[in-house]
Amino acid sequence: DPKGASRLLQQMSDAGVEPDAVSYSCALAGLTSDPPAALALMQSMRDRGVQPSARCYSSALAACRRGRCGAEATRLLRQAEEQGLAL
């Protein structure tokens, strides 16, 4: 549920617990059937200064694969490579 994932991350922030890569990874794992939501969450993660993990990229790439988002998948792969992550 895209709204539920975002809501949970916001509730964490509101409670003074900043979501980390593990939190985002869990949220992204639930968004593999919703490519736009997964890509938006990856951007939100970066905007908050959280470095995506290999697991985050894997979930976002799975969403891209399901949504046939080739250009976005290529961009994500390049970003992961630039971070030195092996997927």
N, C-alpha and C. Protein backbone atom coordinates (compact mmCIF):
# COMPACT_ATOMS: atom_id res chain seq x y z
N ASP A 1 0.85 -1.18 0.00
CA ASP A 1 0.00 0.00 0.00
C ASP A 1 0.89 1.25 0.00
N PRO A 2 0.96 1.96 -1.10
CA PRO A 2 1.84 3.13 -1.20
C PRO A 2 1.56 4.19 -0.14
N LYS A 3 0.31 4.47 0.09
CA LYS A 3 -0.01 5.50 1.08
C LYS A 3 0.36 5.04 2.48
N GLY A 4 0.19 3.76 2.75
CA GLY A 4 0.54 3.22 4.06
C GLY A 4 2.04 3.30 4.31
N ALA A 5 2.83 3.00 3.29
CA ALA A 5 4.29 3.06 3.43
C ALA A 5 4.73 4.49 3.72
N SER A 6 4.22 5.42 2.95
CA SER A 6 4.57 6.83 3.16
C SER A 6 4.10 7.32 4.52
N ARG A 7 2.91 6.90 4.90
CA ARG A 7 2.34 7.31 6.18
C ARG A 7 3.21 6.80 7.34
N LEU A 8 3.64 5.56 7.24
CA LEU A 8 4.48 4.98 8.29
C LEU A 8 5.80 5.74 8.41
N LEU A 9 6.42 6.04 7.29
CA LEU A 9 7.68 6.80 7.32
C LEU A 9 7.46 8.18 7.91
N GLN A 10 6.34 8.81 7.60
CA GLN A 10 6.04 10.13 8.15
C GLN A 10 5.78 10.04 9.65
N GLN A 11 5.08 9.00 10.09
CA GLN A 11 4.84 8.81 11.52
C GLN A 11 6.14 8.64 12.28
N MET A 12 7.08 7.93 11.68
CA MET A 12 8.39 7.77 12.31
C MET A 12 9.05 9.13 12.50
N SER A 13 9.05 9.94 11.44
CA SER A 13 9.65 11.27 11.51
C SER A 13 8.95 12.13 12.55
N ASP A 14 7.63 12.07 12.56
CA ASP A 14 6.86 12.86 13.53
C ASP A 14 7.18 12.47 14.97
N ALA A 15 7.53 11.20 15.17
CA ALA A 15 7.86 10.70 16.51
C ALA A 15 9.33 10.94 16.86
N GLY A 16 10.06 11.59 15.94
CA GLY A 16 11.46 11.89 16.21
C GLY A 16 12.42 10.79 15.82
N VAL A 17 11.91 9.79 15.09
CA VAL A 17 12.76 8.69 14.61
C VAL A 17 12.90 8.86 13.11
N GLU A 18 14.08 9.25 12.68
CA GLU A 18 14.28 9.46 11.25
C GLU A 18 14.44 8.12 10.54
N PRO A 19 13.65 7.88 9.51
CA PRO A 19 13.77 6.63 8.76
C PRO A 19 15.17 6.49 8.16
N ASP A 20 15.70 5.29 8.21
CA ASP A 20 17.01 5.02 7.63
C ASP A 20 16.84 4.11 6.42
N ALA A 21 17.96 3.65 5.87
CA ALA A 21 17.90 2.82 4.67
C ALA A 21 17.10 1.54 4.91
N VAL A 22 17.17 1.00 6.12
CA VAL A 22 16.41 -0.22 6.44
C VAL A 22 14.91 0.07 6.40
N SER A 23 14.51 1.19 6.98
CA SER A 23 13.09 1.58 6.97
C SER A 23 12.59 1.75 5.54
N TYR A 24 13.37 2.46 4.74
CA TYR A 24 12.98 2.67 3.34
C TYR A 24 12.98 1.35 2.57
N SER A 25 13.93 0.50 2.87
CA SER A 25 14.00 -0.79 2.19
C SER A 25 12.72 -1.59 2.43
N CYS A 26 12.27 -1.60 3.66
CA CYS A 26 11.02 -2.32 3.99
C CYS A 26 9.83 -1.71 3.26
N ALA A 27 9.78 -0.39 3.23
CA ALA A 27 8.68 0.28 2.54
C ALA A 27 8.73 -0.01 1.03
N LEU A 28 9.92 0.05 0.46
CA LEU A 28 10.07 -0.20 -0.98
C LEU A 28 9.70 -1.63 -1.35
N ALA A 29 9.98 -2.58 -0.46
CA ALA A 29 9.64 -3.98 -0.74
C ALA A 29 8.13 -4.15 -0.93
N GLY A 30 7.36 -3.29 -0.30
CA GLY A 30 5.91 -3.35 -0.45
C GLY A 30 5.39 -2.58 -1.65
N LEU A 31 6.28 -1.94 -2.39
CA LEU A 31 5.85 -1.11 -3.52
C LEU A 31 6.28 -1.66 -4.87
N THR A 32 6.70 -2.91 -4.91
CA THR A 32 7.20 -3.45 -6.18
C THR A 32 6.11 -3.54 -7.25
N SER A 33 4.85 -3.47 -6.87
CA SER A 33 3.78 -3.50 -7.87
C SER A 33 3.33 -2.09 -8.26
N ASP A 34 3.99 -1.07 -7.71
CA ASP A 34 3.61 0.31 -7.98
C ASP A 34 4.86 1.13 -8.35
N PRO A 35 5.32 1.03 -9.61
CA PRO A 35 6.55 1.71 -10.00
C PRO A 35 6.59 3.21 -9.69
N PRO A 36 5.53 3.98 -9.98
CA PRO A 36 5.62 5.41 -9.67
C PRO A 36 5.84 5.67 -8.17
N ALA A 37 5.17 4.90 -7.33
CA ALA A 37 5.33 5.09 -5.89
C ALA A 37 6.73 4.69 -5.44
N ALA A 38 7.25 3.60 -5.98
CA ALA A 38 8.60 3.16 -5.62
C ALA A 38 9.64 4.20 -6.04
N LEU A 39 9.51 4.72 -7.25
CA LEU A 39 10.46 5.73 -7.73
C LEU A 39 10.34 7.02 -6.92
N ALA A 40 9.13 7.40 -6.57
CA ALA A 40 8.94 8.60 -5.75
C ALA A 40 9.55 8.41 -4.36
N LEU A 41 9.42 7.21 -3.81
CA LEU A 41 9.99 6.95 -2.50
C LEU A 41 11.52 6.96 -2.55
N MET A 42 12.09 6.44 -3.63
CA MET A 42 13.55 6.51 -3.79
C MET A 42 14.00 7.98 -3.84
N GLN A 43 13.26 8.81 -4.55
CA GLN A 43 13.62 10.23 -4.63
C GLN A 43 13.48 10.90 -3.27
N SER A 44 12.41 10.59 -2.57
CA SER A 44 12.19 11.14 -1.24
C SER A 44 13.33 10.76 -0.30
N MET A 45 13.77 9.53 -0.42
CA MET A 45 14.87 9.03 0.39
C MET A 45 16.12 9.88 0.15
N ARG A 46 16.45 10.08 -1.11
CA ARG A 46 17.63 10.89 -1.46
C ARG A 46 17.46 12.33 -0.98
N ASP A 47 16.25 12.88 -1.15
CA ASP A 47 15.98 14.25 -0.72
C ASP A 47 16.21 14.42 0.78
N ARG A 48 15.97 13.36 1.53
CA ARG A 48 16.17 13.41 2.98
C ARG A 48 17.60 13.10 3.39
N GLY A 49 18.44 12.84 2.40
CA GLY A 49 19.84 12.57 2.69
C GLY A 49 20.15 11.15 3.11
N VAL A 50 19.22 10.24 2.82
CA VAL A 50 19.42 8.84 3.17
C VAL A 50 19.98 8.12 1.95
N GLN A 51 21.11 7.47 2.13
CA GLN A 51 21.78 6.75 1.04
C GLN A 51 21.06 5.42 0.80
N PRO A 52 20.52 5.19 -0.40
CA PRO A 52 19.84 3.92 -0.67
C PRO A 52 20.81 2.74 -0.60
N SER A 53 20.35 1.66 -0.04
CA SER A 53 21.14 0.43 0.04
C SER A 53 20.90 -0.40 -1.22
N ALA A 54 21.68 -1.46 -1.36
CA ALA A 54 21.49 -2.38 -2.48
C ALA A 54 20.08 -2.96 -2.47
N ARG A 55 19.58 -3.24 -1.29
CA ARG A 55 18.22 -3.80 -1.17
C ARG A 55 17.17 -2.79 -1.65
N CYS A 56 17.38 -1.50 -1.35
CA CYS A 56 16.46 -0.46 -1.83
C CYS A 56 16.44 -0.44 -3.35
N TYR A 57 17.65 -0.44 -3.92
CA TYR A 57 17.73 -0.44 -5.39
C TYR A 57 17.08 -1.68 -5.97
N SER A 58 17.29 -2.82 -5.36
CA SER A 58 16.70 -4.07 -5.88
C SER A 58 15.18 -3.99 -5.90
N SER A 59 14.60 -3.46 -4.84
CA SER A 59 13.13 -3.33 -4.80
C SER A 59 12.64 -2.34 -5.85
N ALA A 60 13.34 -1.21 -5.98
CA ALA A 60 12.93 -0.22 -6.98
C ALA A 60 13.08 -0.80 -8.39
N LEU A 61 14.14 -1.57 -8.61
CA LEU A 61 14.32 -2.20 -9.93
C LEU A 61 13.25 -3.24 -10.20
N ALA A 62 12.83 -3.96 -9.18
CA ALA A 62 11.74 -4.93 -9.36
C ALA A 62 10.46 -4.21 -9.77
N ALA A 63 10.21 -3.05 -9.18
CA ALA A 63 9.04 -2.26 -9.57
C ALA A 63 9.16 -1.81 -11.02
N CYS A 64 10.36 -1.37 -11.39
CA CYS A 64 10.58 -0.94 -12.79
C CYS A 64 10.36 -2.10 -13.76
N ARG A 65 10.82 -3.27 -13.37
CA ARG A 65 10.65 -4.44 -14.24
C ARG A 65 9.17 -4.73 -14.44
N ARG A 66 8.40 -4.69 -13.36
CA ARG A 66 6.96 -4.96 -13.48
C ARG A 66 6.24 -3.89 -14.29
N GLY A 67 6.71 -2.65 -14.14
CA GLY A 67 6.05 -1.54 -14.83
C GLY A 67 6.65 -1.22 -16.18
N ARG A 68 7.65 -2.03 -16.57
CA ARG A 68 8.32 -1.82 -17.86
C ARG A 68 8.85 -0.40 -17.99
N CYS A 69 9.56 0.02 -16.97
CA CYS A 69 10.15 1.37 -16.91
C CYS A 69 11.65 1.26 -17.18
N GLY A 70 12.00 0.99 -18.42
CA GLY A 70 13.39 0.74 -18.78
C GLY A 70 14.32 1.91 -18.51
N ALA A 71 13.91 3.12 -18.85
CA ALA A 71 14.78 4.28 -18.66
C ALA A 71 15.06 4.52 -17.18
N GLU A 72 14.02 4.38 -16.37
CA GLU A 72 14.20 4.56 -14.93
C GLU A 72 15.09 3.47 -14.35
N ALA A 73 14.93 2.25 -14.83
CA ALA A 73 15.76 1.14 -14.35
C ALA A 73 17.23 1.39 -14.69
N THR A 74 17.48 1.88 -15.88
CA THR A 74 18.85 2.19 -16.29
C THR A 74 19.45 3.28 -15.40
N ARG A 75 18.66 4.28 -15.10
CA ARG A 75 19.11 5.37 -14.22
C ARG A 75 19.44 4.83 -12.83
N LEU A 76 18.57 3.97 -12.30
CA LEU A 76 18.81 3.39 -10.98
C LEU A 76 20.07 2.53 -10.98
N LEU A 77 20.27 1.76 -12.02
CA LEU A 77 21.48 0.93 -12.10
C LEU A 77 22.73 1.79 -12.12
N ARG A 78 22.70 2.88 -12.85
CA ARG A 78 23.85 3.80 -12.89
C ARG A 78 24.12 4.40 -11.51
N GLN A 79 23.05 4.81 -10.83
CA GLN A 79 23.22 5.38 -9.49
C GLN A 79 23.82 4.37 -8.53
N ALA A 80 23.34 3.14 -8.59
CA ALA A 80 23.87 2.10 -7.72
C ALA A 80 25.35 1.86 -8.02
N GLU A 81 25.70 1.84 -9.30
CA GLU A 81 27.10 1.66 -9.71
C GLU A 81 27.96 2.79 -9.17
N GLU A 82 27.46 4.01 -9.28
CA GLU A 82 28.21 5.18 -8.79
C GLU A 82 28.44 5.10 -7.29
N GLN A 83 27.55 4.46 -6.57
CA GLN A 83 27.70 4.27 -5.13
C GLN A 83 28.57 3.06 -4.80
N GLY A 84 28.95 2.32 -5.83
CA GLY A 84 29.78 1.15 -5.61
C GLY A 84 29.01 -0.06 -5.11
N LEU A 85 27.70 -0.05 -5.35
CA LEU A 85 26.86 -1.16 -4.90
C LEU A 85 26.79 -2.25 -5.98
N ALA A 86 26.88 -3.47 -5.54
CA ALA A 86 26.71 -4.61 -6.45
C ALA A 86 25.29 -5.14 -6.28
N LEU A 87 24.59 -5.22 -7.39
CA LEU A 87 23.19 -5.69 -7.33
C LEU A 87 23.08 -7.08 -7.92
